[in-house]
Amino acid sequence: MSFAASTQPQVVPLTGRDTELASLGSYFVGSNPTPGTGIISGNPTALVATTPYLVVYNGGNSADVHLHYLRLMSTVVGGGAATKQFTHFIDQGNRYASGGTALTLKNCNATSTTATNVVATAGVLTATAASSAQRQIGNEWFRVALADVVGDVYEFQYGMQGPSTFGSTPATVCAFTRAVPPIVLPPNTSYVLNIWSGTFTAGITFEISLGYSER
């Protein structure tokens, strides 16, 4: 039996998703303002809605924000806690209230003049109380019963197709990746990341890289 070749046009992408978004001027990256100088977290000993490490707010009027990745690179270790929890939330409204350091946000297209609608702030933050619409969408940890190490990389891939990195955890520098659910932030909504542990005595300092698109 033979089959005739299809005469229908087919679309074959020549580049990846992120490259196409950048070409449209819709891909942005956020980072700590000074390379090499990280942003310290607080040291909450419980999961409290008003003490997150990071708030990403979509302050636009029409475009949705799609988070792609968050990379946290340890420059100064924290104190007291061997196992630290990283808990992810989405909520309605602007959850940022005060404190911390605003990330520097840049368009990844060298000639695009499109500005971002996002405000992203990290550090020892005070957030507003969670609304009734808040949703927890994940909770992760990386080092179990081991202290963090300078040079560790903790990376979240939102909507990643593929496995996370798992296995035994050595007491030396490691790079970890976790697949977490895709996150969409319509206008006037927030992503909130809490870092906490029952025995936290001093915050961790991270360099930050945040990739996201707006469409």
C-alpha atoms as a PDB file:
ATOM      1  CA  MET A   1       0.000   0.000   0.000  1.00  0.00           C
ATOM      2  CA  SER A   2       1.323   3.468  -0.870  1.00  0.00           C
ATOM      3  CA  PHE A   3       0.401   6.892   0.405  1.00  0.00           C
ATOM      4  CA  ALA A   4       0.613  10.185  -1.461  1.00  0.00           C
ATOM      5  CA  ALA A   5       2.732  12.862   0.134  1.00  0.00           C
ATOM      6  CA  SER A   6       0.745  15.586   1.862  1.00  0.00           C
ATOM      7  CA  THR A   7       0.366  18.782  -0.131  1.00  0.00           C
ATOM      8  CA  GLN A   8      -0.743  20.761   2.901  1.00  0.00           C
ATOM      9  CA  PRO A   9       1.695  23.443   4.086  1.00  0.00           C
ATOM     10  CA  GLN A  10       3.544  22.547   7.254  1.00  0.00           C
ATOM     11  CA  VAL A  11       5.005  24.911   9.832  1.00  0.00           C
ATOM     12  CA  VAL A  12       8.434  23.876  11.064  1.00  0.00           C
ATOM     13  CA  PRO A  13       9.937  26.230  13.691  1.00  0.00           C
ATOM     14  CA  LEU A  14      13.504  27.221  12.891  1.00  0.00           C
ATOM     15  CA  THR A  15      14.179  28.483  16.393  1.00  0.00           C
ATOM     16  CA  GLY A  16      12.961  27.744  19.903  1.00  0.00           C
ATOM     17  CA  ARG A  17      10.031  29.238  21.768  1.00  0.00           C
ATOM     18  CA  ASP A  18      12.127  31.715  23.711  1.00  0.00           C
ATOM     19  CA  THR A  19      14.013  32.956  20.650  1.00  0.00           C
ATOM     20  CA  GLU A  20      10.756  33.713  18.854  1.00  0.00           C
ATOM     21  CA  LEU A  21       9.443  35.617  21.867  1.00  0.00           C
ATOM     22  CA  ALA A  22      12.661  37.610  22.098  1.00  0.00           C
ATOM     23  CA  SER A  23      12.424  38.418  18.381  1.00  0.00           C
ATOM     24  CA  LEU A  24       8.979  39.881  19.059  1.00  0.00           C
ATOM     25  CA  GLY A  25      10.364  42.008  21.896  1.00  0.00           C
ATOM     26  CA  SER A  26       8.313  40.023  24.391  1.00  0.00           C
ATOM     27  CA  TYR A  27      11.026  38.226  26.407  1.00  0.00           C
ATOM     28  CA  PHE A  28      12.567  39.820  29.479  1.00  0.00           C
ATOM     29  CA  VAL A  29      15.150  38.927  32.091  1.00  0.00           C
ATOM     30  CA  GLY A  30      15.426  40.218  35.639  1.00  0.00           C
ATOM     31  CA  SER A  31      18.535  40.186  37.822  1.00  0.00           C
ATOM     32  CA  ASN A  32      20.052  41.645  40.975  1.00  0.00           C
ATOM     33  CA  PRO A  33      21.188  45.200  40.154  1.00  0.00           C
ATOM     34  CA  THR A  34      24.923  44.611  40.733  1.00  0.00           C
ATOM     35  CA  PRO A  35      26.569  41.502  39.250  1.00  0.00           C
ATOM     36  CA  GLY A  36      28.386  39.595  41.978  1.00  0.00           C
ATOM     37  CA  THR A  37      26.343  41.189  44.755  1.00  0.00           C
ATOM     38  CA  GLY A  38      23.451  38.992  45.804  1.00  0.00           C
ATOM     39  CA  ILE A  39      20.263  39.752  47.708  1.00  0.00           C
ATOM     40  CA  ILE A  40      19.849  38.243  51.163  1.00  0.00           C
ATOM     41  CA  SER A  41      16.683  36.497  52.236  1.00  0.00           C
ATOM     42  CA  GLY A  42      15.000  36.739  55.587  1.00  0.00           C
ATOM     43  CA  ASN A  43      15.084  33.792  57.973  1.00  0.00           C
ATOM     44  CA  PRO A  44      11.435  32.930  58.692  1.00  0.00           C
ATOM     45  CA  THR A  45      10.996  29.772  60.752  1.00  0.00           C
ATOM     46  CA  ALA A  46       7.482  29.107  59.443  1.00  0.00           C
ATOM     47  CA  LEU A  47       5.551  29.570  56.229  1.00  0.00           C
ATOM     48  CA  VAL A  48       4.056  33.033  56.675  1.00  0.00           C
ATOM     49  CA  ALA A  49       2.286  34.789  53.812  1.00  0.00           C
ATOM     50  CA  THR A  50       3.699  38.209  54.695  1.00  0.00           C
ATOM     51  CA  THR A  51       7.418  37.245  54.712  1.00  0.00           C
ATOM     52  CA  PRO A  52       8.326  36.018  51.204  1.00  0.00           C
ATOM     53  CA  TYR A  53      11.686  36.289  49.434  1.00  0.00           C
ATOM     54  CA  LEU A  54      10.367  37.264  46.005  1.00  0.00           C
ATOM     55  CA  VAL A  55       7.247  38.955  44.632  1.00  0.00           C
ATOM     56  CA  VAL A  56       6.681  39.273  40.879  1.00  0.00           C
ATOM     57  CA  TYR A  57       3.752  41.564  40.057  1.00  0.00           C
ATOM     58  CA  ASN A  58       2.119  42.099  36.669  1.00  0.00           C
ATOM     59  CA  GLY A  59       1.055  45.729  36.741  1.00  0.00           C
ATOM     60  CA  GLY A  60      -0.045  45.894  33.097  1.00  0.00           C
ATOM     61  CA  ASN A  61      -3.503  46.345  31.640  1.00  0.00           C
ATOM     62  CA  SER A  62      -3.724  43.619  28.995  1.00  0.00           C
ATOM     63  CA  ALA A  63      -0.719  41.290  28.550  1.00  0.00           C
ATOM     64  CA  ASP A  64      -0.278  38.073  30.504  1.00  0.00           C
ATOM     65  CA  VAL A  65       3.106  37.329  32.055  1.00  0.00           C
ATOM     66  CA  HIS A  66       4.457  33.792  31.594  1.00  0.00           C
ATOM     67  CA  LEU A  67       7.300  32.791  33.915  1.00  0.00           C
ATOM     68  CA  HIS A  68       9.995  30.663  32.237  1.00  0.00           C
ATOM     69  CA  TYR A  69      12.709  30.144  34.838  1.00  0.00           C
ATOM     70  CA  LEU A  70      14.089  31.396  38.145  1.00  0.00           C
ATOM     71  CA  ARG A  71      17.754  30.778  38.961  1.00  0.00           C
ATOM     72  CA  LEU A  72      19.086  31.396  42.489  1.00  0.00           C
ATOM     73  CA  MET A  73      22.883  31.268  42.865  1.00  0.00           C
ATOM     74  CA  SER A  74      24.158  31.157  46.453  1.00  0.00           C
ATOM     75  CA  THR A  75      26.907  33.681  47.275  1.00  0.00           C
ATOM     76  CA  VAL A  76      26.651  33.573  51.091  1.00  0.00           C
ATOM     77  CA  VAL A  77      25.250  30.582  52.966  1.00  0.00           C
ATOM     78  CA  GLY A  78      22.372  30.848  55.368  1.00  0.00           C
ATOM     79  CA  GLY A  79      22.452  29.856  59.003  1.00  0.00           C
ATOM     80  CA  GLY A  80      20.795  27.230  61.147  1.00  0.00           C
ATOM     81  CA  ALA A  81      18.654  25.447  58.598  1.00  0.00           C
ATOM     82  CA  ALA A  82      19.858  22.328  56.819  1.00  0.00           C
ATOM     83  CA  THR A  83      16.632  21.769  54.868  1.00  0.00           C
ATOM     84  CA  LYS A  84      15.023  24.892  53.470  1.00  0.00           C
ATOM     85  CA  GLN A  85      11.580  24.979  51.873  1.00  0.00           C
ATOM     86  CA  PHE A  86      10.797  26.948  48.697  1.00  0.00           C
ATOM     87  CA  THR A  87       7.023  27.434  48.451  1.00  0.00           C
ATOM     88  CA  HIS A  88       5.349  28.906  45.362  1.00  0.00           C
ATOM     89  CA  PHE A  89       2.096  30.874  45.309  1.00  0.00           C
ATOM     90  CA  ILE A  90       0.010  32.841  42.829  1.00  0.00           C
ATOM     91  CA  ASP A  91      -2.471  35.448  44.013  1.00  0.00           C
ATOM     92  CA  GLN A  92      -4.605  38.342  42.876  1.00  0.00           C
ATOM     93  CA  GLY A  93      -3.519  41.938  43.435  1.00  0.00           C
ATOM     94  CA  ASN A  94      -0.084  43.361  44.212  1.00  0.00           C
ATOM     95  CA  ARG A  95       1.278  41.375  47.154  1.00  0.00           C
ATOM     96  CA  TYR A  96       4.421  43.510  47.572  1.00  0.00           C
ATOM     97  CA  ALA A  97       4.273  45.999  50.444  1.00  0.00           C
ATOM     98  CA  SER A  98       7.808  47.068  51.408  1.00  0.00           C
ATOM     99  CA  GLY A  99      11.471  46.148  51.777  1.00  0.00           C
ATOM    100  CA  GLY A 100      13.919  44.283  49.600  1.00  0.00           C
ATOM    101  CA  THR A 101      15.597  45.233  46.335  1.00  0.00           C
ATOM    102  CA  ALA A 102      13.933  45.780  42.973  1.00  0.00           C
ATOM    103  CA  LEU A 103      15.326  43.520  40.259  1.00  0.00           C
ATOM    104  CA  THR A 104      16.709  45.156  37.141  1.00  0.00           C
ATOM    105  CA  LEU A 105      14.430  44.126  34.253  1.00  0.00           C
ATOM    106  CA  LYS A 106      15.641  44.133  30.634  1.00  0.00           C
ATOM    107  CA  ASN A 107      14.194  43.372  27.216  1.00  0.00           C
ATOM    108  CA  CYS A 108      16.248  40.624  25.516  1.00  0.00           C
ATOM    109  CA  ASN A 109      15.803  42.117  22.031  1.00  0.00           C
ATOM    110  CA  ALA A 110      18.678  44.561  21.482  1.00  0.00           C
ATOM    111  CA  THR A 111      16.586  47.046  19.478  1.00  0.00           C
ATOM    112  CA  SER A 112      13.169  46.639  21.092  1.00  0.00           C
ATOM    113  CA  THR A 113      11.835  49.605  23.039  1.00  0.00           C
ATOM    114  CA  THR A 114       9.008  47.583  24.597  1.00  0.00           C
ATOM    115  CA  ALA A 115       8.956  48.103  28.348  1.00  0.00           C
ATOM    116  CA  THR A 116       7.943  45.446  30.813  1.00  0.00           C
ATOM    117  CA  ASN A 117       4.771  45.567  32.897  1.00  0.00           C
ATOM    118  CA  VAL A 118       6.424  43.618  35.687  1.00  0.00           C
ATOM    119  CA  VAL A 119       7.730  44.809  39.039  1.00  0.00           C
ATOM    120  CA  ALA A 120       9.897  42.164  40.738  1.00  0.00           C
ATOM    121  CA  THR A 121      11.324  42.601  44.221  1.00  0.00           C
ATOM    122  CA  ALA A 122      13.495  40.225  46.264  1.00  0.00           C
ATOM    123  CA  GLY A 123      15.017  40.188  49.723  1.00  0.00           C
ATOM    124  CA  VAL A 124      13.722  40.689  53.242  1.00  0.00           C
ATOM    125  CA  LEU A 125      10.217  41.618  52.182  1.00  0.00           C
ATOM    126  CA  THR A 126       6.986  42.540  53.811  1.00  0.00           C
ATOM    127  CA  ALA A 127       4.033  41.411  51.728  1.00  0.00           C
ATOM    128  CA  THR A 128       0.354  42.095  52.091  1.00  0.00           C
ATOM    129  CA  ALA A 129      -1.845  39.361  53.506  1.00  0.00           C
ATOM    130  CA  ALA A 130      -2.818  36.604  51.108  1.00  0.00           C
ATOM    131  CA  SER A 131      -6.186  37.068  49.462  1.00  0.00           C
ATOM    132  CA  SER A 132      -8.889  34.412  49.414  1.00  0.00           C
ATOM    133  CA  ALA A 133      -7.813  33.715  45.829  1.00  0.00           C
ATOM    134  CA  GLN A 134      -4.250  32.671  46.720  1.00  0.00           C
ATOM    135  CA  ARG A 135      -3.163  29.281  45.369  1.00  0.00           C
ATOM    136  CA  GLN A 136      -0.138  27.271  46.420  1.00  0.00           C
ATOM    137  CA  ILE A 137       1.269  25.702  43.282  1.00  0.00           C
ATOM    138  CA  GLY A 138       4.369  23.954  44.599  1.00  0.00           C
ATOM    139  CA  ASN A 139       6.782  23.309  47.435  1.00  0.00           C
ATOM    140  CA  GLU A 140      10.390  22.249  46.812  1.00  0.00           C
ATOM    141  CA  TRP A 141      13.587  21.584  48.744  1.00  0.00           C
ATOM    142  CA  PHE A 142      17.073  20.871  47.507  1.00  0.00           C
ATOM    143  CA  ARG A 143      19.503  19.857  50.256  1.00  0.00           C
ATOM    144  CA  VAL A 144      18.047  17.484  52.826  1.00  0.00           C
ATOM    145  CA  ALA A 145      19.895  17.409  56.172  1.00  0.00           C
ATOM    146  CA  LEU A 146      22.832  19.246  54.585  1.00  0.00           C
ATOM    147  CA  ALA A 147      23.760  22.913  54.816  1.00  0.00           C
ATOM    148  CA  ASP A 148      23.777  24.968  51.640  1.00  0.00           C
ATOM    149  CA  VAL A 149      27.113  25.686  49.957  1.00  0.00           C
ATOM    150  CA  VAL A 150      28.455  28.851  48.305  1.00  0.00           C
ATOM    151  CA  GLY A 151      28.147  28.299  44.571  1.00  0.00           C
ATOM    152  CA  ASP A 152      24.989  26.173  44.771  1.00  0.00           C
ATOM    153  CA  VAL A 153      22.500  26.871  42.002  1.00  0.00           C
ATOM    154  CA  TYR A 154      18.785  26.344  42.640  1.00  0.00           C
ATOM    155  CA  GLU A 155      16.757  26.611  39.449  1.00  0.00           C
ATOM    156  CA  PHE A 156      13.025  26.399  38.843  1.00  0.00           C
ATOM    157  CA  GLN A 157      11.791  25.709  35.309  1.00  0.00           C
ATOM    158  CA  TYR A 158       8.132  26.673  35.020  1.00  0.00           C
ATOM    159  CA  GLY A 159       6.254  24.253  32.780  1.00  0.00           C
ATOM    160  CA  MET A 160       9.438  22.353  31.925  1.00  0.00           C
ATOM    161  CA  GLN A 161       8.953  19.253  29.782  1.00  0.00           C
ATOM    162  CA  GLY A 162      11.268  16.690  31.296  1.00  0.00           C
ATOM    163  CA  PRO A 163      12.531  15.396  34.624  1.00  0.00           C
ATOM    164  CA  SER A 164      13.908  17.369  37.523  1.00  0.00           C
ATOM    165  CA  THR A 165      17.355  16.582  38.859  1.00  0.00           C
ATOM    166  CA  PHE A 166      17.171  14.083  41.698  1.00  0.00           C
ATOM    167  CA  GLY A 167      19.451  11.603  43.411  1.00  0.00           C
ATOM    168  CA  SER A 168      21.910  11.665  46.271  1.00  0.00           C
ATOM    169  CA  THR A 169      23.065  15.081  47.447  1.00  0.00           C
ATOM    170  CA  PRO A 170      26.789  15.530  48.070  1.00  0.00           C
ATOM    171  CA  ALA A 171      28.089  18.064  50.566  1.00  0.00           C
ATOM    172  CA  THR A 172      29.864  19.971  47.802  1.00  0.00           C
ATOM    173  CA  VAL A 173      28.694  22.557  45.261  1.00  0.00           C
ATOM    174  CA  CYS A 174      25.653  21.377  43.309  1.00  0.00           C
ATOM    175  CA  ALA A 175      23.379  22.695  40.573  1.00  0.00           C
ATOM    176  CA  PHE A 176      19.764  21.629  41.035  1.00  0.00           C
ATOM    177  CA  THR A 177      16.799  21.950  38.676  1.00  0.00           C
ATOM    178  CA  ARG A 178      13.152  21.485  39.572  1.00  0.00           C
ATOM    179  CA  ALA A 179      10.259  21.282  37.137  1.00  0.00           C
ATOM    180  CA  VAL A 180       7.338  23.260  38.526  1.00  0.00           C
ATOM    181  CA  PRO A 181       3.912  23.971  37.007  1.00  0.00           C
ATOM    182  CA  PRO A 182       3.576  26.654  34.334  1.00  0.00           C
ATOM    183  CA  ILE A 183       2.644  30.012  35.809  1.00  0.00           C
ATOM    184  CA  VAL A 184       0.501  32.628  34.078  1.00  0.00           C
ATOM    185  CA  LEU A 185       0.080  36.058  35.675  1.00  0.00           C
ATOM    186  CA  PRO A 186      -2.765  38.062  34.124  1.00  0.00           C
ATOM    187  CA  PRO A 187      -2.821  41.795  34.855  1.00  0.00           C
ATOM    188  CA  ASN A 188      -2.961  42.713  38.558  1.00  0.00           C
ATOM    189  CA  THR A 189      -1.749  39.342  39.840  1.00  0.00           C
ATOM    190  CA  SER A 190       1.370  38.241  41.716  1.00  0.00           C
ATOM    191  CA  TYR A 191       3.766  35.328  41.997  1.00  0.00           C
ATOM    192  CA  VAL A 192       5.136  34.883  45.525  1.00  0.00           C
ATOM    193  CA  LEU A 193       8.091  32.707  46.576  1.00  0.00           C
ATOM    194  CA  ASN A 194       8.611  31.966  50.265  1.00  0.00           C
ATOM    195  CA  ILE A 195      11.891  30.524  51.610  1.00  0.00           C
ATOM    196  CA  TRP A 196      11.588  29.185  55.152  1.00  0.00           C
ATOM    197  CA  SER A 197      12.723  26.523  57.617  1.00  0.00           C
ATOM    198  CA  GLY A 198      11.985  25.595  61.191  1.00  0.00           C
ATOM    199  CA  THR A 199      15.588  26.269  62.256  1.00  0.00           C
ATOM    200  CA  PHE A 200      16.478  29.281  60.105  1.00  0.00           C
ATOM    201  CA  THR A 201      18.885  31.651  61.933  1.00  0.00           C
ATOM    202  CA  ALA A 202      20.340  33.723  59.067  1.00  0.00           C
ATOM    203  CA  GLY A 203      19.211  34.357  55.511  1.00  0.00           C
ATOM    204  CA  ILE A 204      20.819  33.049  52.313  1.00  0.00           C
ATOM    205  CA  THR A 205      22.266  35.513  49.804  1.00  0.00           C
ATOM    206  CA  PHE A 206      21.435  34.797  46.165  1.00  0.00           C
ATOM    207  CA  GLU A 207      22.284  36.230  42.812  1.00  0.00           C
ATOM    208  CA  ILE A 208      19.060  36.054  40.816  1.00  0.00           C
ATOM    209  CA  SER A 209      18.154  35.475  37.186  1.00  0.00           C
ATOM    210  CA  LEU A 210      14.444  35.525  36.244  1.00  0.00           C
ATOM    211  CA  GLY A 211      13.237  34.868  32.706  1.00  0.00           C
ATOM    212  CA  TYR A 212       9.675  35.633  31.597  1.00  0.00           C
ATOM    213  CA  SER A 213       7.631  36.715  28.595  1.00  0.00           C
ATOM    214  CA  GLU A 214       4.627  38.978  28.069  1.00  0.00           C
ATOM    215  CA  ARG A 215       1.942  38.274  25.493  1.00  0.00           C
END
